Amino acid sequence: MESTPLTQTHPYILTKNKKQKKTNKEAGDRTLLGGEHRSASKIPASLPGVEPVSLPELGSSYLSGWAIPSVFLIRRRIMTQECFVGIDISKEELVVFVYPLGETFTVAYQEAPVAALCERLLGLCPKKVVMEATGGYEREVCIAFAQAGLPVCVVNPRQVRAFAQAMGTLCKTDQVDAQVIARFAEAIKPDLTVIPDALLQELSALVARRRQLVLMASQEQNRYLQAYSARAKTDIEHHRKELAMHIAAVNDCIGELIQKSPIWKAKEDLLRTVPGVGEVTSRTLLSELPELGELSGKQIAKLVGVAPHSYESGTFKGKRSIFGGRATVRRPLDMATLVATKHNPVIRTMYERLVARGKAKKVALVACMRKLLMTLNAMLKHQTAWSAMD
């Protein structure tokens, strides 16, 4: 027995004809779309922007032919809308929130679940996948996402927290953090994170390990000076010698790694021509500041954190100061600048001139640090040695 045709009032929304006498139960799982009888067990794939979806996936409340068109509209709107993924990373799990779909789920921080998460996110085609820098826990996830082709971004947690406070979100849980990160991604649209190659990751790891060993050696030196027991001093001295051996071994590994790359070797040779720039500074710049030589002087100064920030409002003129940036680069650069004020004629002249004008010595040193960094950036950009730029 054929059903009475339905009246089409919208490409995806149909209304019943007043003359139709059949009930939904009698019609069974058959409905009319576009003037033709189709089985309601599967959504037609010919509609633009609509995926084939089995009705059991939509729940029993959608089994009637009445509710299917509204589902078409919902899925069509979701599929054509940009989505942003926020991930809160901890030691054991990842909390994921998809905006504006509102989906929240937790994934164990293991290789197989992370791989499955990549496949799931690829199906959503997100505009951005954003996570906070969490001291290294984000590294493996970021690399896995980048290799899978996801647009991954690693952002500063301080910026995300300031964004949450601006939204009026004062509570802090993993689920709330994931939602805030997703909203941050949608509003700010941060730049994609550039994943370094395996060789640069190895160099960065070795430079970081050397920095840790030097810190431990400094701590042991302080403990040695404060120790009262002869046995304690003997043990500390033994440990200091071991740390010195480890530092020397790591230095050798870093040197061998740089020798393997002609590009790094050429860059280090150029950097070392500047009076005041030694082995530690040049290798730190190569590993922690790969952008050196590719950005403008102002951009590289801002990236490192030696560009002064204004503090003014109306008639008030506060002192400009520096903050933020890459502290791991600033520390060796600060020591290199201090040496340059004694042995580098250009930096020494600038430092003495600023001090003579009444600038504080620390302010003059920061200005010289910025000058030295911008000089190094120009040297690598133009492949020019220091003697030619003096």
Protein backbone atom coordinates (compact mmCIF):
# COMPACT_ATOMS: atom_id res chain seq x y z
CA MET A 1 0.00 0.00 0.00
CA GLU A 2 1.53 3.31 -1.12
CA SER A 3 1.74 6.24 1.26
CA THR A 4 0.32 9.66 0.45
CA PRO A 5 3.04 12.07 -0.78
CA LEU A 6 4.40 14.69 1.58
CA THR A 7 4.57 18.38 0.80
CA GLN A 8 8.17 19.72 0.53
CA THR A 9 8.57 23.20 2.08
CA HIS A 10 12.38 23.22 2.47
CA PRO A 11 15.24 21.29 0.81
CA TYR A 12 15.86 19.41 4.06
CA ILE A 13 12.64 19.98 6.08
CA LEU A 14 9.40 18.26 5.11
CA THR A 15 5.91 18.64 6.54
CA LYS A 16 3.02 16.23 6.40
CA ASN A 17 0.31 16.60 3.85
CA LYS A 18 -3.00 17.31 5.49
CA LYS A 19 -4.56 14.41 3.57
CA GLN A 20 -2.05 11.86 4.84
CA LYS A 21 -3.84 9.34 7.00
CA LYS A 22 -0.99 7.00 7.88
CA THR A 23 0.61 7.07 11.28
CA ASN A 24 4.33 6.79 11.85
CA LYS A 25 3.88 3.28 13.08
CA GLU A 26 2.11 2.18 9.90
CA ALA A 27 4.70 3.91 7.72
CA GLY A 28 7.44 1.87 9.44
CA ASP A 29 10.93 2.94 8.64
CA ARG A 30 10.08 4.57 5.30
CA THR A 31 10.11 8.32 4.73
CA LEU A 32 10.00 10.66 1.78
CA LEU A 33 12.88 12.91 0.81
CA GLY A 34 12.90 15.04 -2.35
CA GLY A 35 9.64 13.47 -3.54
CA GLU A 36 10.98 9.88 -3.62
CA HIS A 37 10.59 6.97 -1.28
CA ARG A 38 13.85 6.09 0.47
CA SER A 39 14.71 3.71 3.26
CA ALA A 40 15.07 5.58 6.56
CA SER A 41 17.67 3.16 7.84
CA LYS A 42 20.44 5.26 6.24
CA ILE A 43 20.75 8.98 5.47
CA PRO A 44 21.33 9.66 1.74
CA ALA A 45 24.95 10.47 0.93
CA SER A 46 24.08 12.74 -2.00
CA LEU A 47 23.21 15.73 0.22
CA PRO A 48 26.02 18.32 0.32
CA GLY A 49 27.74 18.51 3.67
CA VAL A 50 25.88 15.50 5.14
CA GLU A 51 27.57 12.20 6.03
CA PRO A 52 25.77 8.86 5.83
CA VAL A 53 24.72 8.03 9.40
CA SER A 54 22.85 4.97 10.56
CA LEU A 55 19.68 5.80 12.46
CA PRO A 56 20.50 3.54 15.43
CA GLU A 57 23.43 5.89 16.10
CA LEU A 58 20.95 8.77 16.51
CA GLY A 59 18.94 7.05 19.21
CA SER A 60 15.45 5.61 19.32
CA SER A 61 13.82 9.05 19.49
CA TYR A 62 14.90 9.69 15.88
CA LEU A 63 13.48 6.52 14.36
CA SER A 64 10.39 8.30 13.14
CA GLY A 65 10.58 9.98 9.74
CA TRP A 66 9.64 13.27 11.36
CA ALA A 67 12.89 13.93 13.26
CA ILE A 68 15.37 13.00 10.53
CA PRO A 69 15.32 16.35 8.65
CA SER A 70 16.14 18.31 11.83
CA VAL A 71 19.08 15.96 12.37
CA PHE A 72 20.23 16.82 8.85
CA LEU A 73 20.28 20.50 9.76
CA ILE A 74 22.20 19.92 13.01
CA ARG A 75 24.85 17.75 11.40
CA ARG A 76 25.13 20.07 8.41
CA ARG A 77 25.73 23.09 10.68
CA ILE A 78 28.31 21.24 12.79
CA MET A 79 30.22 19.85 9.81
CA THR A 80 30.51 23.23 8.09
CA GLN A 81 31.61 25.02 11.28
CA GLU A 82 35.26 25.34 12.27
CA CYS A 83 36.19 23.38 15.38
CA PHE A 84 39.06 23.95 17.80
CA VAL A 85 40.56 21.37 20.15
CA GLY A 86 41.97 22.20 23.57
CA ILE A 87 44.07 19.60 25.40
CA ASP A 88 45.07 19.76 29.06
CA ILE A 89 48.13 17.55 29.57
CA SER A 90 49.14 15.88 32.81
CA LYS A 91 51.57 13.12 33.64
CA GLU A 92 49.08 10.28 33.24
CA GLU A 93 46.21 11.51 31.03
CA LEU A 94 45.03 14.00 28.44
CA VAL A 95 41.75 15.87 28.85
CA VAL A 96 40.36 16.89 25.45
CA PHE A 97 37.63 19.42 24.68
CA VAL A 98 36.28 20.12 21.19
CA TYR A 99 34.75 23.55 20.66
CA PRO A 100 32.00 24.32 19.62
CA LEU A 101 30.81 20.69 19.55
CA GLY A 102 31.11 20.52 23.34
CA GLU A 103 32.68 17.06 23.39
CA THR A 104 34.88 16.26 26.40
CA PHE A 105 36.80 13.03 26.89
CA THR A 106 39.90 11.74 28.66
CA VAL A 107 42.72 9.72 27.08
CA ALA A 108 45.49 7.85 28.88
CA TYR A 109 48.97 9.25 28.22
CA GLN A 110 50.28 6.16 26.43
CA GLU A 111 51.41 5.47 22.90
CA ALA A 112 48.37 3.51 21.71
CA PRO A 113 45.68 5.86 23.14
CA VAL A 114 47.52 8.91 21.77
CA ALA A 115 47.65 7.28 18.31
CA ALA A 116 43.92 6.57 18.53
CA LEU A 117 43.34 10.18 19.56
CA CYS A 118 45.19 11.35 16.44
CA GLU A 119 42.86 9.31 14.25
CA ARG A 120 39.82 10.66 16.06
CA LEU A 121 40.93 14.28 15.71
CA LEU A 122 41.79 13.81 12.04
CA GLY A 123 38.16 12.87 11.46
CA LEU A 124 37.05 16.20 12.97
CA CYS A 125 39.40 18.27 10.73
CA PRO A 126 40.11 20.83 13.49
CA LYS A 127 41.33 24.31 12.65
CA LYS A 128 43.77 24.31 15.61
CA VAL A 129 44.84 21.75 18.22
CA VAL A 130 46.22 23.72 21.15
CA MET A 131 48.01 22.60 24.30
CA GLU A 132 50.04 24.34 26.98
CA ALA A 133 53.76 24.00 27.51
CA THR A 134 54.01 21.78 30.59
CA GLY A 135 57.73 21.43 31.12
CA GLY A 136 58.23 18.63 28.60
CA TYR A 137 55.11 16.46 29.00
CA GLU A 138 53.66 18.03 25.87
CA ARG A 139 56.64 17.15 23.67
CA GLU A 140 55.69 13.59 22.70
CA VAL A 141 52.05 14.49 22.08
CA CYS A 142 53.04 17.50 19.97
CA ILE A 143 55.40 15.44 17.82
CA ALA A 144 52.79 12.68 17.34
CA PHE A 145 50.14 15.19 16.29
CA ALA A 146 52.50 17.01 13.91
CA GLN A 147 53.54 13.74 12.27
CA ALA A 148 49.86 12.85 11.82
CA GLY A 149 49.28 16.15 10.02
CA LEU A 150 47.28 17.94 12.73
CA PRO A 151 47.67 21.75 13.11
CA VAL A 152 49.22 21.65 16.59
CA CYS A 153 50.11 24.73 18.66
CA VAL A 154 51.99 24.87 21.97
CA VAL A 155 51.21 28.07 23.88
CA ASN A 156 52.40 29.79 27.03
CA PRO A 157 50.32 28.77 30.10
CA ARG A 158 50.50 32.34 31.42
CA GLN A 159 48.64 33.60 28.36
CA VAL A 160 45.93 30.97 28.70
CA ARG A 161 45.45 31.75 32.38
CA ALA A 162 45.16 35.46 31.66
CA PHE A 163 42.58 34.62 28.98
CA ALA A 164 40.59 32.55 31.51
CA GLN A 165 40.58 35.43 33.99
CA ALA A 166 39.42 37.80 31.26
CA MET A 167 36.52 35.41 30.60
CA GLY A 168 35.67 35.43 34.31
CA THR A 169 36.68 31.79 34.80
CA LEU A 170 38.28 31.62 38.24
CA CYS A 171 38.03 27.90 38.97
CA LYS A 172 40.73 25.57 37.70
CA THR A 173 40.26 21.90 36.92
CA ASP A 174 41.51 19.73 34.08
CA GLN A 175 38.15 19.85 32.32
CA VAL A 176 37.84 23.62 32.73
CA ASP A 177 41.42 24.12 31.54
CA ALA A 178 40.73 22.10 28.39
CA GLN A 179 37.65 24.20 27.66
CA VAL A 180 39.56 27.45 28.24
CA ILE A 181 42.37 26.30 25.95
CA ALA A 182 39.86 25.49 23.19
CA ARG A 183 38.20 28.89 23.58
CA PHE A 184 41.65 30.50 23.56
CA ALA A 185 42.42 28.72 20.28
CA GLU A 186 39.17 29.97 18.72
CA ALA A 187 39.65 33.59 19.85
CA ILE A 188 43.42 34.07 19.48
CA LYS A 189 44.25 31.55 16.71
CA PRO A 190 47.91 31.09 17.74
CA ASP A 191 50.60 30.29 15.22
CA LEU A 192 51.47 26.68 14.49
CA THR A 193 54.39 25.24 16.42
CA VAL A 194 57.42 24.33 14.32
CA ILE A 195 58.64 20.85 15.24
CA PRO A 196 62.46 20.63 15.15
CA ASP A 197 64.10 17.73 13.39
CA ALA A 198 65.62 14.80 15.27
CA LEU A 199 69.15 16.22 15.15
CA LEU A 200 68.11 19.56 16.64
CA GLN A 201 66.12 17.78 19.35
CA GLU A 202 69.24 15.77 20.23
CA LEU A 203 71.36 18.93 20.41
CA SER A 204 68.77 20.71 22.58
CA ALA A 205 68.60 17.73 24.95
CA LEU A 206 72.39 17.65 25.35
CA VAL A 207 72.62 21.41 25.93
CA ALA A 208 69.85 21.18 28.51
CA ARG A 209 71.62 18.26 30.21
CA ARG A 210 74.85 20.26 30.39
CA ARG A 211 72.93 23.14 31.98
CA GLN A 212 71.52 20.77 34.61
CA LEU A 213 74.97 19.36 35.42
CA VAL A 214 76.46 22.84 35.77
CA LEU A 215 73.64 23.78 38.15
CA MET A 216 74.29 20.68 40.27
CA ALA A 217 78.02 21.46 40.35
CA SER A 218 77.24 24.99 41.56
CA GLN A 219 74.97 23.63 44.28
CA GLU A 220 77.64 21.19 45.42
CA GLN A 221 80.15 24.04 45.57
CA ASN A 222 77.85 25.95 47.91
CA ARG A 223 77.32 22.86 50.07
CA TYR A 224 81.08 22.31 50.28
CA LEU A 225 81.61 25.81 51.65
CA GLN A 226 78.93 25.32 54.30
CA ALA A 227 79.84 21.77 55.36
CA TYR A 228 81.43 21.29 58.81
CA SER A 229 82.16 17.57 58.67
CA ALA A 230 85.37 16.40 57.02
CA ARG A 231 83.60 13.29 55.72
CA ALA A 232 80.84 15.41 54.21
CA LYS A 233 83.41 17.64 52.50
CA THR A 234 85.23 14.60 51.13
CA ASP A 235 82.00 13.15 49.73
CA ILE A 236 80.99 16.49 48.20
CA GLU A 237 84.42 16.91 46.63
CA HIS A 238 84.18 13.41 45.15
CA HIS A 239 80.78 14.24 43.68
CA ARG A 240 82.08 17.51 42.24
CA LYS A 241 84.81 15.65 40.40
CA GLU A 242 82.27 13.21 38.97
CA LEU A 243 80.09 16.10 37.80
CA ALA A 244 83.09 17.75 36.14
CA MET A 245 83.78 14.51 34.26
CA HIS A 246 80.13 14.30 33.16
CA ILE A 247 80.16 17.92 31.99
CA ALA A 248 83.30 17.31 29.93
CA ALA A 249 81.72 14.19 28.37
CA VAL A 250 78.54 16.08 27.44
CA ASN A 251 80.63 18.89 25.94
CA ASP A 252 82.39 16.35 23.75
CA CYS A 253 79.05 14.90 22.61
CA ILE A 254 77.76 18.37 21.73
CA GLY A 255 80.92 19.12 19.77
CA GLU A 256 80.68 15.86 17.82
CA LEU A 257 77.04 16.56 17.00
CA ILE A 258 77.84 20.04 15.68
CA GLN A 259 80.70 18.69 13.59
CA LYS A 260 78.27 16.34 11.83
CA SER A 261 76.25 19.29 10.50
CA PRO A 262 78.09 21.62 8.08
CA ILE A 263 75.42 24.28 8.64
CA TRP A 264 75.85 24.27 12.42
CA LYS A 265 79.61 24.24 12.06
CA ALA A 266 79.55 27.29 9.78
CA LYS A 267 77.16 29.13 12.11
CA GLU A 268 79.27 28.38 15.18
CA ASP A 269 82.41 29.59 13.42
CA LEU A 270 80.69 32.88 12.56
CA LEU A 271 79.38 33.38 16.10
CA ARG A 272 82.74 32.64 17.66
CA THR A 273 84.37 35.49 15.70
CA VAL A 274 82.59 38.00 17.99
CA PRO A 275 84.69 38.97 21.03
CA GLY A 276 82.80 37.81 24.12
CA VAL A 277 80.90 34.94 22.47
CA GLY A 278 82.34 31.63 23.58
CA GLU A 279 81.55 27.96 23.26
CA VAL A 280 78.64 27.88 25.70
CA THR A 281 76.91 30.94 24.23
CA SER A 282 77.26 29.83 20.59
CA ARG A 283 76.00 26.32 21.26
CA THR A 284 73.09 27.60 23.32
CA LEU A 285 72.09 29.93 20.50
CA LEU A 286 72.25 27.09 17.97
CA SER A 287 70.06 24.77 20.06
CA GLU A 288 67.68 27.12 21.86
CA LEU A 289 67.33 29.86 19.23
CA PRO A 290 67.16 28.24 15.77
CA GLU A 291 65.34 31.35 14.50
CA LEU A 292 68.57 33.36 14.79
CA GLY A 293 69.42 34.76 11.36
CA GLU A 294 65.89 34.30 9.98
CA LEU A 295 64.02 37.13 11.75
CA SER A 296 64.48 40.87 11.91
CA GLY A 297 66.46 42.45 14.73
CA LYS A 298 63.36 43.65 16.58
CA GLN A 299 61.65 40.29 16.21
CA ILE A 300 64.62 38.33 17.56
CA ALA A 301 64.99 40.75 20.49
CA LYS A 302 61.33 40.32 21.37
CA LEU A 303 61.57 36.54 21.04
CA VAL A 304 64.49 36.32 23.47
CA GLY A 305 62.95 38.85 25.85
CA VAL A 306 65.44 41.73 25.70
CA ALA A 307 63.10 44.24 24.01
CA PRO A 308 61.88 46.88 26.49
CA HIS A 309 58.14 47.16 27.13
CA SER A 310 56.59 50.59 27.66
CA TYR A 311 54.65 51.39 30.85
CA GLU A 312 52.70 54.57 30.16
CA SER A 313 49.18 55.84 30.79
CA GLY A 314 48.05 59.37 30.06
CA THR A 315 50.58 61.78 31.48
CA PHE A 316 52.27 59.03 33.49
CA LYS A 317 55.55 57.85 31.99
CA GLY A 318 56.86 54.78 33.80
CA LYS A 319 60.16 53.02 33.33
CA ARG A 320 60.39 50.55 30.51
CA SER A 321 61.41 47.02 31.45
CA ILE A 322 61.97 43.61 29.92
CA PHE A 323 60.17 40.38 30.79
CA GLY A 324 59.16 37.11 29.17
CA GLY A 325 61.06 35.51 26.32
CA ARG A 326 63.49 32.60 26.46
CA ALA A 327 65.34 32.64 29.74
CA THR A 328 67.62 29.78 28.70
CA VAL A 329 69.02 32.04 25.98
CA ARG A 330 69.24 35.21 28.08
CA ARG A 331 71.45 33.69 30.79
CA PRO A 332 74.46 32.80 28.59
CA LEU A 333 73.86 35.92 26.49
CA ASP A 334 74.07 38.02 29.65
CA MET A 335 77.45 36.53 30.52
CA ALA A 336 78.68 37.00 26.95
CA THR A 337 77.64 40.66 27.07
CA LEU A 338 79.43 41.15 30.37
CA VAL A 339 82.63 39.82 28.80
CA ALA A 340 82.03 41.91 25.69
CA THR A 341 81.93 45.12 27.75
CA LYS A 342 85.59 44.43 28.56
CA HIS A 343 86.95 42.92 25.33
CA ASN A 344 84.59 43.94 22.52
CA PRO A 345 85.36 47.50 21.31
CA VAL A 346 81.88 48.20 19.93
CA ILE A 347 80.00 46.88 22.98
CA ARG A 348 82.48 48.49 25.38
CA THR A 349 82.05 51.91 23.74
CA MET A 350 78.27 51.63 23.88
CA TYR A 351 78.29 50.53 27.51
CA GLU A 352 80.59 53.37 28.61
CA ARG A 353 78.51 55.92 26.70
CA LEU A 354 75.26 54.82 28.35
CA VAL A 355 76.78 54.82 31.83
CA ALA A 356 78.21 58.30 31.23
CA ARG A 357 74.71 59.52 30.33
CA GLY A 358 73.49 58.45 33.75
CA LYS A 359 71.94 55.09 32.86
CA ALA A 360 72.04 52.40 35.51
CA LYS A 361 74.66 49.75 34.87
CA LYS A 362 72.03 47.02 34.61
CA VAL A 363 70.02 49.07 32.10
CA ALA A 364 73.18 49.72 30.08
CA LEU A 365 74.04 46.01 30.17
CA VAL A 366 70.59 45.03 28.88
CA ALA A 367 70.88 47.55 26.06
CA CYS A 368 74.26 46.09 25.13
CA MET A 369 72.80 42.60 25.29
CA ARG A 370 70.13 43.61 22.79
CA LYS A 371 72.78 45.21 20.57
CA LEU A 372 74.92 42.05 20.70
CA LEU A 373 71.97 39.80 19.88
CA MET A 374 70.88 41.92 16.93
CA THR A 375 74.48 41.93 15.67
CA LEU A 376 74.67 38.14 15.84
CA ASN A 377 71.33 37.91 14.05
CA ALA A 378 72.58 40.14 11.22
CA MET A 379 75.82 38.17 10.94
CA LEU A 380 74.01 34.89 10.37
CA LYS A 381 71.45 36.46 8.05
CA HIS A 382 74.11 37.95 5.77
CA GLN A 383 76.79 35.31 6.43
CA THR A 384 79.30 37.97 7.44
CA ALA A 385 82.05 37.62 10.01
CA TRP A 386 82.54 40.07 12.85
CA SER A 387 85.66 41.69 11.41
CA ALA A 388 83.70 42.77 8.33
CA MET A 389 80.92 44.32 10.42
CA ASP A 390 83.09 46.15 12.88
